[in-house]
Amino acid sequence: MGTGGQGLRRPRGLATQLIVLGKARARRLWLHAQRLDESAAFGAGAEATRAAVEHLGYVQIDTINVIERCHHQILYTRIPAYRREDLRQAQSVDKSVFEYWTHALSYVPTRDLRFHVSDMYRYRRWNHPWFGPVKKGDLRRVLDRIRKYGALTIRDIDDDVLVEKEHEWASRKPSKRALQLAFYRGLVTISQRTGMLKTYELMTRHFGGQRLPRAASERETADHLIDRALRAQAVVSLESICYLDARRKRGVARLIEARVRRDELVPIALEGAGSAQYWARPAALDESLDALPRSVHILSPFDPLIVQRKRLKAFFGYEHRFEAYVPKVRRLFGYFTQPVLVGDEIVALLDLKTDRERQRLLVQRWIWLTQRSRRERKREIEEALHRFERFQLAR
C-alpha cells in the first residue's frame, strides 16, 4: 500500500499486514473523521445537530459555565451556524437525540437507544452507595407524580423534607436523587434542558411507546462501539473504543481479532507510539484527503478530540492539563484553558472567560505551544475569537 509521502510504509521484519502510520497522516485521518477539516460538514439547523451527534456518537455535557457550556461549544465547532435552539429542537421536539451516560453524561443519538437499554436494566440491579438513601417509596412517589401531573423539574417539587448535603454535587431535596436513579434505570428521560435545569418525563411517554426497545446483546453493543469509534476516530485502539468502559474490553478485543481475520480491519503501528496497538479500515487508509484547510478551532477540554488525553498525546504530541479542579495555587495554565487547533497542530492554550455583564469574551491568558509563525497565527486566532465571542453572546 503506497502512500506518496503520506506516512504509511511496511516495516521490515513485521507481519505483512501490519502497517506503520506516520503521525501526520494519523492526525489528518482523525481530524477528517471528527469533521474538523471542513466547514459546515453537517449543514445547519436541528438536522445538522442530529447529524453531528449521530456521526460523533456522543456530545459530552458538563456544568462548568465560565464560557459557553461544552455541549454547545462542541456543536458550534463543527456547525458554524449552530444555535442553541437547534439542540432544544433536536432533544425536545424532534426527539432525535437524548441524554444518557457514555463515559460521562452526554447527548447521544436516539437511533442508538437500544445499545443503552442493557445498561438501564443493569442499573435496576445496581446497588451503589450514592443511591443508598433512595427508598422504593421515594422512587415510586416521583414516578407517580410525573405519571399523574406530567413532566417536572426539581424546582416543581416543593414538599420535600430538606436534608443536609453530604457532597457539594448533591441536593438538599431527596427527590433529586430519586429522579437521578430513575434516569439511570431508563424510567425517565430528560425531555428538556434550560441551562442546567432538567425537565424529567417518563421515558416511554416521551418517545411514544409502551416499553423500551429490545436491548442489544453484548456482542451487538461491542460491534456498535467499534463502528462508532471507527466513524469518529478513523484510527482506533482498544482504549479509545472502550474509553472508561473497561468491562467491555474483552468482548471488543475478540471482535477486533475477528474483523482483522476477515480483512475488515488493518493492524496499525503508530510511528513513535511504542507498542500501542491501533486498527483502521483499509478504505480509510486508502482515502485521498484534500489539502488541509488553514482552519482554526478553539476546542472545549471536553471535545471528543481532547477528552481522551493519552490518545491526544500519541497523535498530537500534546497532553492537555485540565485544571478546573486543581487548587488555584497549583494551576500552571488556568481554570478552564482551551487548546487552539490551527490546521493539524495544537499551537496555543487560551484561558477564556465570558463577562456577561459587559458582553465581552475575556482572554485571561494566552500560552503559545509553538515558536513558528506566531504573528500570522495570532491574527488567525484573533479572528476565530471574534467569531466565538459573537456565538458566546448570541441568545
Protein backbone atom coordinates (compact mmCIF):
# COMPACT_ATOMS: atom_id res chain seq x y z
CA MET A 1 0.00 0.00 0.00
CA GLY A 2 1.80 3.10 -1.23
CA THR A 3 1.21 6.50 0.28
CA GLY A 4 3.10 9.04 -1.81
CA GLY A 5 4.68 10.58 1.25
CA GLN A 6 1.53 10.33 3.37
CA GLY A 7 3.32 8.44 6.16
CA LEU A 8 2.45 4.76 5.56
CA ARG A 9 5.09 2.11 4.97
CA ARG A 10 5.53 -1.58 5.58
CA PRO A 11 8.31 -2.07 8.15
CA ARG A 12 10.90 -4.81 7.65
CA GLY A 13 10.63 -7.89 9.80
CA LEU A 14 7.00 -7.38 10.76
CA ALA A 15 3.94 -9.26 9.58
CA THR A 16 2.91 -8.20 6.10
CA GLN A 17 -0.48 -6.98 7.28
CA LEU A 18 0.97 -4.59 9.88
CA ILE A 19 1.26 -1.02 8.66
CA VAL A 20 3.29 1.77 10.23
CA LEU A 21 1.33 5.00 10.12
CA GLY A 22 3.08 8.34 10.32
CA LYS A 23 1.70 10.78 12.87
CA ALA A 24 0.96 13.48 10.30
CA ARG A 25 -1.25 11.09 8.33
CA ALA A 26 -2.82 9.74 11.54
CA ARG A 27 -3.73 13.25 12.69
CA ARG A 28 -5.15 14.02 9.27
CA LEU A 29 -7.38 10.93 9.32
CA TRP A 30 -8.62 11.70 12.83
CA LEU A 31 -9.37 15.34 12.02
CA HIS A 32 -11.29 14.25 8.94
CA ALA A 33 -13.27 11.71 10.99
CA GLN A 34 -14.06 14.46 13.50
CA ARG A 35 -15.15 16.77 10.65
CA LEU A 36 -12.69 19.41 11.81
CA ASP A 37 -11.10 19.72 8.40
CA GLU A 38 -14.08 21.20 6.56
CA SER A 39 -16.58 23.97 7.19
CA ALA A 40 -20.24 23.20 7.84
CA ALA A 41 -19.89 19.49 7.05
CA PHE A 42 -23.26 18.81 8.72
CA GLY A 43 -25.15 21.80 7.30
CA ALA A 44 -27.26 23.94 9.63
CA GLY A 45 -30.31 23.75 11.89
CA ALA A 46 -31.68 20.98 14.08
CA GLU A 47 -30.96 18.41 11.35
CA ALA A 48 -27.28 19.37 11.44
CA THR A 49 -27.30 18.90 15.21
CA ARG A 50 -28.84 15.45 14.83
CA ALA A 51 -26.33 14.53 12.11
CA ALA A 52 -23.36 15.75 14.18
CA VAL A 53 -24.40 13.80 17.29
CA GLU A 54 -25.03 10.68 15.20
CA HIS A 55 -21.66 10.97 13.50
CA LEU A 56 -19.65 11.67 16.66
CA GLY A 57 -21.64 9.12 18.70
CA TYR A 58 -21.89 11.40 21.73
CA VAL A 59 -21.53 15.05 22.74
CA GLN A 60 -20.47 15.46 26.37
CA ILE A 61 -22.41 17.64 28.84
CA ASP A 62 -20.77 19.49 31.73
CA THR A 63 -21.87 22.12 34.22
CA ILE A 64 -18.84 24.46 34.00
CA ASN A 65 -20.08 27.79 32.72
CA VAL A 66 -17.16 30.28 32.64
CA ILE A 67 -17.76 30.30 28.90
CA GLU A 68 -20.46 28.53 26.90
CA ARG A 69 -21.21 25.05 28.21
CA CYS A 70 -19.25 22.36 26.45
CA HIS A 71 -22.10 20.66 24.57
CA HIS A 72 -22.94 23.90 22.78
CA GLN A 73 -19.28 24.65 22.05
CA ILE A 74 -18.62 21.15 20.65
CA LEU A 75 -21.53 21.55 18.24
CA TYR A 76 -20.58 25.13 17.30
CA THR A 77 -17.06 23.93 16.49
CA ARG A 78 -18.48 21.66 13.77
CA ILE A 79 -21.57 23.68 12.81
CA PRO A 80 -20.62 27.36 12.32
CA ALA A 81 -24.30 28.37 12.06
CA TYR A 82 -25.25 26.42 15.21
CA ARG A 83 -27.86 27.96 17.52
CA ARG A 84 -28.74 26.70 20.99
CA GLU A 85 -32.34 26.42 19.81
CA ASP A 86 -31.21 23.71 17.36
CA LEU A 87 -30.26 21.40 20.22
CA ARG A 88 -33.52 22.13 22.05
CA GLN A 89 -35.43 21.28 18.86
CA ALA A 90 -33.49 18.03 18.38
CA GLN A 91 -33.95 16.96 22.01
CA SER A 92 -37.45 18.13 22.88
CA VAL A 93 -39.37 18.34 19.60
CA ASP A 94 -37.76 16.07 17.01
CA LYS A 95 -36.52 13.73 19.79
CA SER A 96 -33.61 12.69 17.58
CA VAL A 97 -31.14 12.97 20.48
CA PHE A 98 -31.46 12.19 24.17
CA GLU A 99 -29.30 12.34 27.27
CA TYR A 100 -27.65 9.31 28.77
CA TRP A 101 -24.36 8.12 30.22
CA THR A 102 -21.48 7.14 27.92
CA HIS A 103 -18.10 7.80 29.56
CA ALA A 104 -19.90 10.84 31.03
CA LEU A 105 -23.33 12.42 30.76
CA SER A 106 -23.80 13.09 27.04
CA TYR A 107 -26.20 13.73 24.22
CA VAL A 108 -26.47 10.51 22.22
CA PRO A 109 -28.47 9.62 19.09
CA THR A 110 -31.98 8.31 19.67
CA ARG A 111 -31.30 5.75 16.93
CA ASP A 112 -28.77 4.20 19.36
CA LEU A 113 -31.23 3.86 22.25
CA ARG A 114 -31.24 0.05 22.17
CA PHE A 115 -27.49 -0.01 22.82
CA HIS A 116 -28.08 1.75 26.15
CA VAL A 117 -31.06 -0.31 27.30
CA SER A 118 -28.91 -3.14 28.69
CA ASP A 119 -27.15 -0.58 30.91
CA MET A 120 -30.53 0.75 32.03
CA TYR A 121 -31.54 -2.76 33.07
CA ARG A 122 -28.17 -3.26 34.76
CA TYR A 123 -28.75 -0.14 36.83
CA ARG A 124 -32.05 -1.62 38.00
CA ARG A 125 -29.99 -4.32 39.73
CA TRP A 126 -27.33 -1.85 40.84
CA ASN A 127 -26.67 -1.09 44.49
CA HIS A 128 -24.45 1.98 44.53
CA PRO A 129 -23.76 3.87 47.78
CA TRP A 130 -24.72 7.17 46.11
CA PHE A 131 -28.29 5.90 45.73
CA GLY A 132 -28.40 4.10 49.08
CA PRO A 133 -30.65 6.76 50.68
CA VAL A 134 -33.26 6.32 47.89
CA LYS A 135 -36.10 4.09 49.13
CA LYS A 136 -38.55 2.27 46.88
CA GLY A 137 -41.26 4.59 48.15
CA ASP A 138 -39.22 7.67 47.13
CA LEU A 139 -38.82 6.32 43.61
CA ARG A 140 -42.49 5.37 43.37
CA ARG A 141 -43.62 8.83 44.53
CA VAL A 142 -41.67 10.79 41.91
CA LEU A 143 -42.74 8.41 39.13
CA ASP A 144 -46.39 8.60 40.21
CA ARG A 145 -46.16 12.38 40.28
CA ILE A 146 -44.80 12.55 36.72
CA ARG A 147 -47.34 9.97 35.55
CA LYS A 148 -50.23 11.96 37.03
CA TYR A 149 -49.18 15.59 36.51
CA GLY A 150 -46.72 15.44 33.63
CA ALA A 151 -43.05 16.31 33.21
CA LEU A 152 -41.39 18.20 36.04
CA THR A 153 -38.17 19.84 37.18
CA ILE A 154 -36.68 19.57 40.64
CA ARG A 155 -37.94 23.12 41.27
CA ASP A 156 -41.50 21.86 40.88
CA ILE A 157 -41.05 19.65 43.96
CA ASP A 158 -41.67 21.90 46.94
CA ASP A 159 -42.93 19.41 49.52
CA ASP A 160 -39.66 17.57 50.21
CA VAL A 161 -38.33 17.49 53.74
CA LEU A 162 -34.93 19.07 53.15
CA VAL A 163 -31.78 17.30 54.32
CA GLU A 164 -28.18 18.39 54.79
CA LYS A 165 -25.93 17.96 51.78
CA GLU A 166 -23.16 15.39 52.28
CA HIS A 167 -21.50 16.29 48.94
CA GLU A 168 -21.19 19.56 47.02
CA TRP A 169 -22.87 17.98 43.96
CA ALA A 170 -25.78 16.63 45.99
CA SER A 171 -29.13 18.33 46.61
CA ARG A 172 -31.00 19.07 49.81
CA LYS A 173 -34.08 17.62 48.14
CA PRO A 174 -34.22 13.80 48.45
CA SER A 175 -36.39 13.69 45.32
CA LYS A 176 -33.45 14.79 43.16
CA ARG A 177 -31.52 11.60 43.88
CA ALA A 178 -34.65 9.54 43.23
CA LEU A 179 -35.01 11.26 39.85
CA GLN A 180 -31.35 10.58 39.08
CA LEU A 181 -31.81 6.89 39.86
CA ALA A 182 -34.92 6.74 37.69
CA PHE A 183 -32.88 8.37 34.91
CA TYR A 184 -30.09 5.78 35.10
CA ARG A 185 -32.68 3.00 35.08
CA GLY A 186 -34.34 4.32 31.94
CA LEU A 187 -37.62 5.03 33.74
CA VAL A 188 -37.44 8.75 33.00
CA THR A 189 -35.57 10.80 30.43
CA ILE A 190 -34.64 14.46 30.26
CA SER A 191 -37.18 15.89 27.85
CA GLN A 192 -35.84 19.44 28.02
CA ARG A 193 -32.86 21.30 29.42
CA THR A 194 -32.83 25.01 30.23
CA GLY A 195 -29.25 25.83 31.12
CA MET A 196 -28.59 23.00 33.55
CA LEU A 197 -32.19 22.78 34.80
CA LYS A 198 -33.53 19.42 33.64
CA THR A 199 -37.15 18.53 32.92
CA TYR A 200 -37.90 14.87 33.62
CA GLU A 201 -40.51 12.89 31.69
CA LEU A 202 -41.41 9.22 31.61
CA MET A 203 -39.12 7.59 29.06
CA THR A 204 -41.91 5.67 27.32
CA ARG A 205 -44.24 8.68 27.20
CA HIS A 206 -41.52 10.93 25.79
CA PHE A 207 -40.76 8.54 22.94
CA GLY A 208 -44.37 7.49 22.43
CA GLY A 209 -44.04 3.77 23.17
CA GLN A 210 -45.36 1.30 25.69
CA ARG A 211 -41.92 -0.03 26.63
CA LEU A 212 -38.25 0.41 25.93
CA PRO A 213 -36.89 -1.14 22.72
CA ARG A 214 -35.31 -4.57 22.93
CA ALA A 215 -31.86 -4.33 24.47
CA ALA A 216 -28.94 -5.00 22.15
CA SER A 217 -26.90 -8.08 23.03
CA GLU A 218 -23.39 -7.63 24.40
CA ARG A 219 -21.98 -8.68 21.03
CA GLU A 220 -24.17 -6.17 19.22
CA THR A 221 -23.12 -3.45 21.67
CA ALA A 222 -19.44 -4.30 21.21
CA ASP A 223 -19.86 -4.11 17.42
CA HIS A 224 -21.62 -0.78 17.85
CA LEU A 225 -18.77 0.62 19.97
CA ILE A 226 -16.20 -0.42 17.35
CA ASP A 227 -18.21 1.11 14.50
CA ARG A 228 -18.83 4.30 16.47
CA ALA A 229 -15.11 4.72 17.15
CA LEU A 230 -14.10 3.95 13.56
CA ARG A 231 -16.58 6.54 12.29
CA ALA A 232 -15.41 9.32 14.63
CA GLN A 233 -11.73 8.42 15.10
CA ALA A 234 -10.66 6.55 11.90
CA VAL A 235 -7.63 5.01 13.64
CA VAL A 236 -8.74 3.29 16.84
CA SER A 237 -7.31 1.47 19.83
CA LEU A 238 -8.94 -0.74 22.43
CA GLU A 239 -8.64 2.15 24.88
CA SER A 240 -10.28 4.64 22.53
CA ILE A 241 -13.14 2.26 21.70
CA CYS A 242 -13.80 1.37 25.35
CA TYR A 243 -12.93 4.71 26.93
CA LEU A 244 -13.79 4.41 30.65
CA ASP A 245 -15.71 1.19 29.87
CA ALA A 246 -13.19 -1.47 30.88
CA ARG A 247 -15.76 -4.24 31.37
CA ARG A 248 -16.38 -4.41 27.62
CA LYS A 249 -12.73 -4.61 26.56
CA ARG A 250 -12.56 -8.39 26.38
CA GLY A 251 -15.59 -8.72 24.11
CA VAL A 252 -14.45 -5.82 21.91
CA ALA A 253 -10.95 -7.32 21.59
CA ARG A 254 -12.41 -10.62 20.33
CA LEU A 255 -14.47 -8.83 17.68
CA ILE A 256 -11.46 -6.78 16.57
CA GLU A 257 -9.49 -10.01 16.06
CA ALA A 258 -12.34 -11.46 14.03
CA ARG A 259 -12.51 -8.35 11.83
CA VAL A 260 -8.75 -8.49 11.24
CA ARG A 261 -9.06 -12.13 10.13
CA ARG A 262 -11.78 -11.08 7.67
CA ASP A 263 -9.58 -8.23 6.37
CA GLU A 264 -12.12 -5.67 7.59
CA LEU A 265 -9.53 -4.04 9.84
CA VAL A 266 -5.80 -3.49 9.36
CA PRO A 267 -3.41 -3.53 12.34
CA ILE A 268 -1.56 -0.24 12.71
CA ALA A 269 1.67 0.70 14.46
CA LEU A 270 1.61 4.44 15.10
CA GLU A 271 5.02 5.95 14.50
CA GLY A 272 6.66 6.93 17.76
CA ALA A 273 3.90 5.41 19.92
CA GLY A 274 5.81 2.35 21.12
CA SER A 275 3.97 -0.95 21.27
CA ALA A 276 0.44 0.53 21.40
CA GLN A 277 -1.94 -1.28 19.05
CA TYR A 278 -4.25 0.51 16.62
CA TRP A 279 -6.58 -0.53 13.81
CA ALA A 280 -8.24 1.12 10.86
CA ARG A 281 -10.48 0.18 7.96
CA PRO A 282 -8.49 -0.44 4.75
CA ALA A 283 -10.66 2.10 2.91
CA ALA A 284 -9.73 4.82 5.43
CA LEU A 285 -6.03 4.22 4.84
CA ASP A 286 -6.52 4.42 1.07
CA GLU A 287 -8.57 7.61 1.28
CA SER A 288 -7.14 10.52 -0.66
CA LEU A 289 -7.77 13.57 1.51
CA ASP A 290 -7.96 17.07 0.15
CA ALA A 291 -5.36 19.60 1.20
CA LEU A 292 -5.91 20.51 4.84
CA PRO A 293 -7.50 23.96 5.11
CA ARG A 294 -5.96 26.54 7.41
CA SER A 295 -8.91 26.32 9.78
CA VAL A 296 -8.79 27.49 13.40
CA HIS A 297 -10.79 25.79 16.15
CA ILE A 298 -10.97 26.81 19.81
CA LEU A 299 -11.66 23.47 21.46
CA SER A 300 -13.50 22.68 24.65
CA PRO A 301 -11.49 20.49 27.05
CA PHE A 302 -14.44 18.06 26.71
CA ASP A 303 -14.31 18.00 22.90
CA PRO A 304 -14.01 14.43 21.53
CA LEU A 305 -10.59 15.39 20.12
CA ILE A 306 -9.31 16.49 23.54
CA VAL A 307 -11.06 14.42 26.18
CA GLN A 308 -9.02 11.22 25.64
CA ARG A 309 -5.76 12.72 26.87
CA LYS A 310 -3.40 9.77 26.21
CA ARG A 311 -4.68 9.44 22.64
CA LEU A 312 -4.28 13.19 22.11
CA LYS A 313 -0.65 13.00 23.22
CA ALA A 314 0.07 9.99 20.99
CA PHE A 315 -1.31 11.73 17.88
CA PHE A 316 -0.51 15.41 18.52
CA GLY A 317 2.37 15.27 20.98
CA TYR A 318 0.36 17.44 23.36
CA GLU A 319 -1.05 16.38 26.73
CA HIS A 320 -3.87 18.62 27.94
CA ARG A 321 -3.91 19.55 31.62
CA PHE A 322 -7.43 20.16 32.95
CA GLU A 323 -7.11 22.41 35.97
CA ALA A 324 -10.67 23.36 36.93
CA TYR A 325 -10.48 21.03 39.92
CA VAL A 326 -6.86 21.86 40.75
CA PRO A 327 -6.29 24.34 43.63
CA LYS A 328 -5.54 27.79 42.23
CA VAL A 329 -2.01 27.90 43.63
CA ARG A 330 -1.14 24.69 41.74
CA ARG A 331 -2.52 25.71 38.34
CA LEU A 332 0.05 26.10 35.60
CA PHE A 333 -2.19 27.42 32.82
CA GLY A 334 -5.61 28.46 34.15
CA TYR A 335 -9.01 27.33 35.39
CA PHE A 336 -10.52 26.34 32.03
CA THR A 337 -7.82 26.56 29.35
CA GLN A 338 -8.81 25.60 25.83
CA PRO A 339 -6.47 24.22 23.17
CA VAL A 340 -6.34 26.04 19.84
CA LEU A 341 -6.09 23.89 16.73
CA VAL A 342 -4.65 25.53 13.61
CA GLY A 343 -4.62 23.14 10.68
CA ASP A 344 -3.36 19.89 12.19
CA GLU A 345 -1.34 21.41 15.05
CA ILE A 346 -2.33 22.48 18.56
CA VAL A 347 -0.48 25.78 18.74
CA ALA A 348 -1.76 27.61 21.83
CA LEU A 349 -3.80 27.48 25.02
CA LEU A 350 -6.34 30.16 25.91
CA ASP A 351 -7.77 30.73 29.36
CA LEU A 352 -11.10 32.36 28.50
CA LYS A 353 -13.96 33.81 30.49
CA THR A 354 -17.22 35.41 29.38
CA ASP A 355 -18.05 38.72 31.04
CA ARG A 356 -21.82 38.62 30.55
CA GLU A 357 -22.46 41.99 32.17
CA ARG A 358 -20.14 43.87 29.80
CA GLN A 359 -20.89 41.49 26.90
CA ARG A 360 -17.28 40.58 26.27
CA LEU A 361 -15.15 37.48 25.91
CA LEU A 362 -12.04 37.91 28.05
CA VAL A 363 -8.69 36.33 27.23
CA GLN A 364 -7.19 35.93 30.69
CA ARG A 365 -4.07 34.16 29.48
CA TRP A 366 -2.58 33.21 26.11
CA ILE A 367 0.07 30.47 26.13
CA TRP A 368 1.95 29.61 22.95
CA LEU A 369 2.93 25.96 22.40
CA THR A 370 4.97 26.67 19.27
CA GLN A 371 7.59 29.14 18.12
CA ARG A 372 6.60 29.02 14.44
CA SER A 373 4.55 31.63 12.56
CA ARG A 374 3.27 33.31 15.70
CA ARG A 375 2.36 36.61 14.06
CA GLU A 376 0.25 35.01 11.31
CA ARG A 377 -1.32 32.51 13.66
CA LYS A 378 -2.13 35.21 16.22
CA ARG A 379 -4.11 37.09 13.57
CA GLU A 380 -5.99 33.91 12.59
CA ILE A 381 -6.74 33.02 16.21
CA GLU A 382 -7.98 36.55 16.97
CA GLU A 383 -10.39 36.30 14.03
CA ALA A 384 -11.66 32.98 15.41
CA LEU A 385 -12.02 34.57 18.86
CA HIS A 386 -14.18 37.36 17.43
CA ARG A 387 -16.47 34.74 15.83
CA PHE A 388 -16.52 32.76 19.07
CA GLU A 389 -17.38 35.89 21.06
CA ARG A 390 -20.37 36.56 18.80
CA PHE A 391 -21.54 32.99 19.36
CA GLN A 392 -20.96 33.27 23.12
CA LEU A 393 -23.08 36.39 23.44
CA ALA A 394 -25.85 35.45 21.00
CA ARG A 395 -29.04 34.45 22.81
